[in-house]
């Protein structure tokens, strides 16, 4: 179990565009993991193991955001109403 398996995890690509992605950062939308944000790398970052002890871990798809933000506002990257509210607050 990793933080990236949680619905409250946001994984954002970074780089110049979707064609030149340099990496992906992972962060907790609830701000519960002091080790985040972190470069996701190959998913082996120790900070991603926090999920095993997190009281709010909720199995689900993480929010995946592309460099170009083709979906527009962050809240458009999730259909879950609770996650959408957290994304909207983050984008403000």
N, C-alpha and C. Protein backbone atom coordinates (compact mmCIF):
# COMPACT_ATOMS: atom_id res chain seq x y z
N UNK A 1 0.85 -1.17 0.00
CA UNK A 1 0.00 0.00 0.00
C UNK A 1 0.90 1.24 0.00
N UNK A 2 0.62 2.13 -0.93
CA UNK A 2 1.38 3.37 -1.10
C UNK A 2 0.42 4.55 -1.08
N UNK A 3 0.95 5.72 -0.80
CA UNK A 3 0.13 6.93 -0.85
C UNK A 3 -0.49 7.12 -2.23
N UNK A 4 0.19 6.68 -3.25
CA UNK A 4 -0.32 6.84 -4.61
C UNK A 4 -1.52 5.94 -4.89
N UNK A 5 -1.86 5.07 -3.94
CA UNK A 5 -3.05 4.23 -4.04
C UNK A 5 -4.24 4.85 -3.32
N UNK A 6 -4.09 6.09 -2.87
CA UNK A 6 -5.12 6.77 -2.08
C UNK A 6 -5.81 7.85 -2.91
N UNK A 7 -7.10 7.99 -2.70
CA UNK A 7 -7.85 9.00 -3.46
C UNK A 7 -7.45 10.42 -3.08
N UNK A 8 -6.78 10.60 -1.95
CA UNK A 8 -6.35 11.94 -1.52
C UNK A 8 -4.94 12.30 -2.00
N UNK A 9 -4.37 11.48 -2.83
CA UNK A 9 -3.04 11.75 -3.37
C UNK A 9 -3.20 12.46 -4.72
N UNK A 10 -2.39 13.49 -4.91
CA UNK A 10 -2.36 14.17 -6.20
C UNK A 10 -0.98 13.95 -6.81
N UNK A 11 -0.95 13.49 -8.03
CA UNK A 11 0.29 13.28 -8.76
C UNK A 11 0.30 14.25 -9.94
N UNK A 12 1.24 15.20 -9.89
CA UNK A 12 1.30 16.24 -10.91
C UNK A 12 2.58 16.10 -11.72
N UNK A 13 2.40 15.98 -13.03
CA UNK A 13 3.56 15.97 -13.93
C UNK A 13 4.15 17.37 -13.96
N UNK A 14 5.47 17.43 -14.11
CA UNK A 14 6.11 18.73 -14.29
C UNK A 14 7.07 18.65 -15.46
N UNK A 15 7.30 19.79 -16.05
CA UNK A 15 8.13 19.91 -17.24
C UNK A 15 7.58 21.05 -18.08
N UNK A 16 8.02 21.14 -19.31
CA UNK A 16 7.58 22.23 -20.17
C UNK A 16 6.22 21.99 -20.80
N UNK A 17 5.89 20.74 -21.06
CA UNK A 17 4.61 20.40 -21.68
C UNK A 17 4.37 18.91 -21.50
N UNK A 18 3.23 18.44 -21.99
CA UNK A 18 2.94 17.01 -21.93
C UNK A 18 3.92 16.20 -22.76
N UNK A 19 4.59 16.84 -23.70
CA UNK A 19 5.54 16.15 -24.56
C UNK A 19 6.94 16.10 -23.96
N UNK A 20 7.16 16.93 -22.94
CA UNK A 20 8.49 16.98 -22.32
C UNK A 20 8.38 16.85 -20.81
N UNK A 21 7.63 15.87 -20.35
CA UNK A 21 7.46 15.64 -18.91
C UNK A 21 8.81 15.24 -18.31
N UNK A 22 9.22 15.95 -17.26
CA UNK A 22 10.49 15.67 -16.61
C UNK A 22 10.33 14.76 -15.40
N UNK A 23 9.14 14.73 -14.83
CA UNK A 23 8.90 13.91 -13.66
C UNK A 23 7.50 14.13 -13.13
N UNK A 24 7.22 13.51 -12.00
CA UNK A 24 5.90 13.60 -11.38
C UNK A 24 6.07 13.78 -9.88
N UNK A 25 5.44 14.80 -9.34
CA UNK A 25 5.47 15.00 -7.90
C UNK A 25 4.18 14.43 -7.29
N UNK A 26 4.30 13.94 -6.09
CA UNK A 26 3.14 13.40 -5.37
C UNK A 26 2.96 14.22 -4.09
N UNK A 27 1.71 14.48 -3.76
CA UNK A 27 1.40 15.25 -2.55
C UNK A 27 0.09 14.75 -1.97
N UNK A 28 -0.11 15.02 -0.70
CA UNK A 28 -1.33 14.64 0.00
C UNK A 28 -2.27 15.84 0.02
N UNK A 29 -3.47 15.68 -0.52
CA UNK A 29 -4.44 16.77 -0.54
C UNK A 29 -4.89 17.17 0.86
N UNK A 30 -4.73 16.27 1.81
CA UNK A 30 -5.12 16.56 3.20
C UNK A 30 -3.97 17.13 4.01
N UNK A 31 -2.77 17.13 3.44
CA UNK A 31 -1.60 17.66 4.14
C UNK A 31 -1.15 16.81 5.32
N UNK A 32 -1.43 15.52 5.28
CA UNK A 32 -1.12 14.65 6.42
C UNK A 32 0.26 14.04 6.38
N UNK A 33 0.90 14.04 5.23
CA UNK A 33 2.21 13.41 5.09
C UNK A 33 3.28 14.49 5.08
N UNK A 34 4.03 14.58 6.17
CA UNK A 34 5.08 15.61 6.29
C UNK A 34 6.20 15.41 5.29
N UNK A 35 6.30 14.22 4.71
CA UNK A 35 7.35 13.94 3.73
C UNK A 35 7.00 14.35 2.32
N UNK A 36 5.83 14.92 2.15
CA UNK A 36 5.37 15.33 0.82
C UNK A 36 5.29 16.84 0.74
N UNK A 37 5.39 17.42 -0.44
CA UNK A 37 5.45 16.76 -1.74
C UNK A 37 6.80 16.09 -1.97
N UNK A 38 6.79 15.07 -2.81
CA UNK A 38 7.98 14.30 -3.12
C UNK A 38 7.95 13.92 -4.60
N UNK A 39 9.12 13.81 -5.18
CA UNK A 39 9.18 13.32 -6.56
C UNK A 39 8.83 11.85 -6.52
N UNK A 40 7.80 11.46 -7.24
CA UNK A 40 7.32 10.08 -7.20
C UNK A 40 8.36 9.09 -7.70
N UNK A 41 9.19 9.50 -8.63
CA UNK A 41 10.19 8.59 -9.16
C UNK A 41 9.56 7.29 -9.63
N UNK A 42 10.11 6.19 -9.20
CA UNK A 42 9.59 4.87 -9.58
C UNK A 42 8.64 4.33 -8.53
N UNK A 43 8.19 5.20 -7.62
CA UNK A 43 7.26 4.78 -6.58
C UNK A 43 7.95 4.16 -5.39
N UNK A 44 9.26 4.32 -5.30
CA UNK A 44 10.01 3.71 -4.21
C UNK A 44 10.41 4.71 -3.14
N UNK A 45 9.95 5.95 -3.26
CA UNK A 45 10.28 6.97 -2.25
C UNK A 45 9.70 6.56 -0.90
N UNK A 46 10.49 6.60 0.17
CA UNK A 46 10.00 6.20 1.50
C UNK A 46 8.76 6.98 1.95
N UNK A 47 8.63 8.24 1.54
CA UNK A 47 7.47 9.05 1.95
C UNK A 47 6.16 8.44 1.47
N UNK A 48 6.21 7.68 0.38
CA UNK A 48 4.99 7.07 -0.16
C UNK A 48 4.49 5.91 0.69
N UNK A 49 5.33 5.41 1.61
CA UNK A 49 4.96 4.31 2.49
C UNK A 49 4.13 4.78 3.70
N UNK A 50 3.97 6.10 3.83
CA UNK A 50 3.20 6.66 4.93
C UNK A 50 1.77 6.12 4.94
N UNK A 51 1.28 5.70 3.81
CA UNK A 51 -0.09 5.19 3.69
C UNK A 51 -0.39 4.09 4.70
N UNK A 52 0.59 3.28 5.02
CA UNK A 52 0.39 2.16 5.95
C UNK A 52 0.01 2.63 7.35
N UNK A 53 0.37 3.85 7.72
CA UNK A 53 0.05 4.36 9.06
C UNK A 53 -0.93 5.53 9.04
N UNK A 54 -1.36 5.93 7.87
CA UNK A 54 -2.25 7.07 7.74
C UNK A 54 -3.69 6.70 8.13
N UNK A 55 -4.27 7.48 9.03
CA UNK A 55 -5.63 7.24 9.50
C UNK A 55 -6.67 7.55 8.43
N UNK A 56 -6.33 8.39 7.46
CA UNK A 56 -7.30 8.81 6.44
C UNK A 56 -7.08 8.12 5.09
N UNK A 57 -6.16 7.16 5.03
CA UNK A 57 -5.92 6.47 3.76
C UNK A 57 -7.24 5.90 3.26
N UNK A 58 -7.57 6.21 2.01
CA UNK A 58 -8.79 5.71 1.40
C UNK A 58 -8.42 5.15 0.03
N UNK A 59 -8.48 3.85 -0.09
CA UNK A 59 -8.12 3.21 -1.36
C UNK A 59 -8.93 3.82 -2.50
N UNK A 60 -8.22 4.17 -3.54
CA UNK A 60 -8.87 4.77 -4.70
C UNK A 60 -7.83 5.30 -5.67
N UNK A 61 -8.31 5.82 -6.77
CA UNK A 61 -7.40 6.38 -7.78
C UNK A 61 -6.89 7.73 -7.32
N UNK A 62 -5.58 7.90 -7.42
CA UNK A 62 -5.01 9.22 -7.12
C UNK A 62 -5.42 10.18 -8.23
N UNK A 63 -5.29 11.46 -7.95
CA UNK A 63 -5.59 12.49 -8.94
C UNK A 63 -4.35 12.68 -9.79
N UNK A 64 -4.47 12.48 -11.09
CA UNK A 64 -3.31 12.59 -11.98
C UNK A 64 -3.48 13.79 -12.89
N UNK A 65 -2.54 14.73 -12.76
CA UNK A 65 -2.61 16.01 -13.47
C UNK A 65 -1.46 16.10 -14.46
N UNK A 66 -1.79 16.41 -15.69
CA UNK A 66 -0.78 16.54 -16.74
C UNK A 66 -0.18 17.95 -16.73
N UNK A 67 1.00 18.10 -17.33
CA UNK A 67 1.70 19.39 -17.38
C UNK A 67 0.85 20.50 -17.96
N UNK A 68 0.17 20.20 -19.03
CA UNK A 68 -0.60 21.22 -19.75
C UNK A 68 -1.96 21.50 -19.12
N UNK A 69 -2.31 20.74 -18.12
CA UNK A 69 -3.63 20.86 -17.47
C UNK A 69 -4.74 20.92 -18.53
N UNK A 70 -4.74 19.91 -19.36
CA UNK A 70 -5.72 19.85 -20.45
C UNK A 70 -7.16 19.85 -19.96
N UNK A 71 -7.40 19.40 -18.73
CA UNK A 71 -8.76 19.39 -18.20
C UNK A 71 -9.16 20.74 -17.62
N UNK A 72 -8.23 21.69 -17.60
CA UNK A 72 -8.54 23.01 -17.07
C UNK A 72 -8.25 23.09 -15.58
N UNK A 73 -9.23 23.56 -14.82
CA UNK A 73 -9.07 23.72 -13.37
C UNK A 73 -8.79 22.37 -12.72
N UNK A 74 -8.04 22.40 -11.62
CA UNK A 74 -7.68 21.17 -10.91
C UNK A 74 -8.90 20.33 -10.55
N UNK A 75 -9.97 20.97 -10.15
CA UNK A 75 -11.16 20.22 -9.72
C UNK A 75 -11.73 19.35 -10.83
N UNK A 76 -11.39 19.63 -12.07
CA UNK A 76 -11.89 18.84 -13.20
C UNK A 76 -11.19 17.49 -13.33
N UNK A 77 -10.17 17.25 -12.52
CA UNK A 77 -9.41 16.01 -12.60
C UNK A 77 -9.97 14.89 -11.72
N UNK A 78 -11.09 15.15 -11.06
CA UNK A 78 -11.70 14.11 -10.23
C UNK A 78 -13.22 14.22 -10.33
N UNK A 79 -13.88 13.09 -10.19
CA UNK A 79 -15.34 13.07 -10.16
C UNK A 79 -15.86 12.95 -8.73
N UNK A 80 -14.96 12.67 -7.77
CA UNK A 80 -15.32 12.55 -6.36
C UNK A 80 -15.54 13.95 -5.79
N UNK A 81 -16.73 14.21 -5.26
CA UNK A 81 -17.07 15.56 -4.78
C UNK A 81 -16.15 16.05 -3.67
N UNK A 82 -15.79 15.18 -2.74
CA UNK A 82 -14.89 15.57 -1.65
C UNK A 82 -13.52 15.95 -2.19
N UNK A 83 -13.01 15.14 -3.10
CA UNK A 83 -11.70 15.41 -3.70
C UNK A 83 -11.76 16.68 -4.55
N UNK A 84 -12.84 16.86 -5.27
CA UNK A 84 -13.01 18.08 -6.10
C UNK A 84 -12.93 19.34 -5.23
N UNK A 85 -13.55 19.31 -4.05
CA UNK A 85 -13.51 20.46 -3.14
C UNK A 85 -12.09 20.73 -2.68
N UNK A 86 -11.34 19.67 -2.37
CA UNK A 86 -9.95 19.84 -1.96
C UNK A 86 -9.09 20.39 -3.10
N UNK A 87 -9.35 19.92 -4.31
CA UNK A 87 -8.61 20.42 -5.48
C UNK A 87 -8.94 21.88 -5.75
N UNK A 88 -10.19 22.24 -5.58
CA UNK A 88 -10.60 23.64 -5.81
C UNK A 88 -9.91 24.56 -4.81
N UNK A 89 -9.83 24.14 -3.55
CA UNK A 89 -9.16 24.92 -2.53
C UNK A 89 -7.66 25.04 -2.82
N UNK A 90 -7.08 23.98 -3.33
CA UNK A 90 -5.64 23.98 -3.64
C UNK A 90 -5.34 24.91 -4.82
N UNK A 91 -6.27 25.00 -5.74
CA UNK A 91 -6.08 25.80 -6.95
C UNK A 91 -6.33 27.29 -6.71
N UNK A 92 -6.94 27.62 -5.57
CA UNK A 92 -7.30 29.02 -5.30
C UNK A 92 -6.09 29.90 -5.02
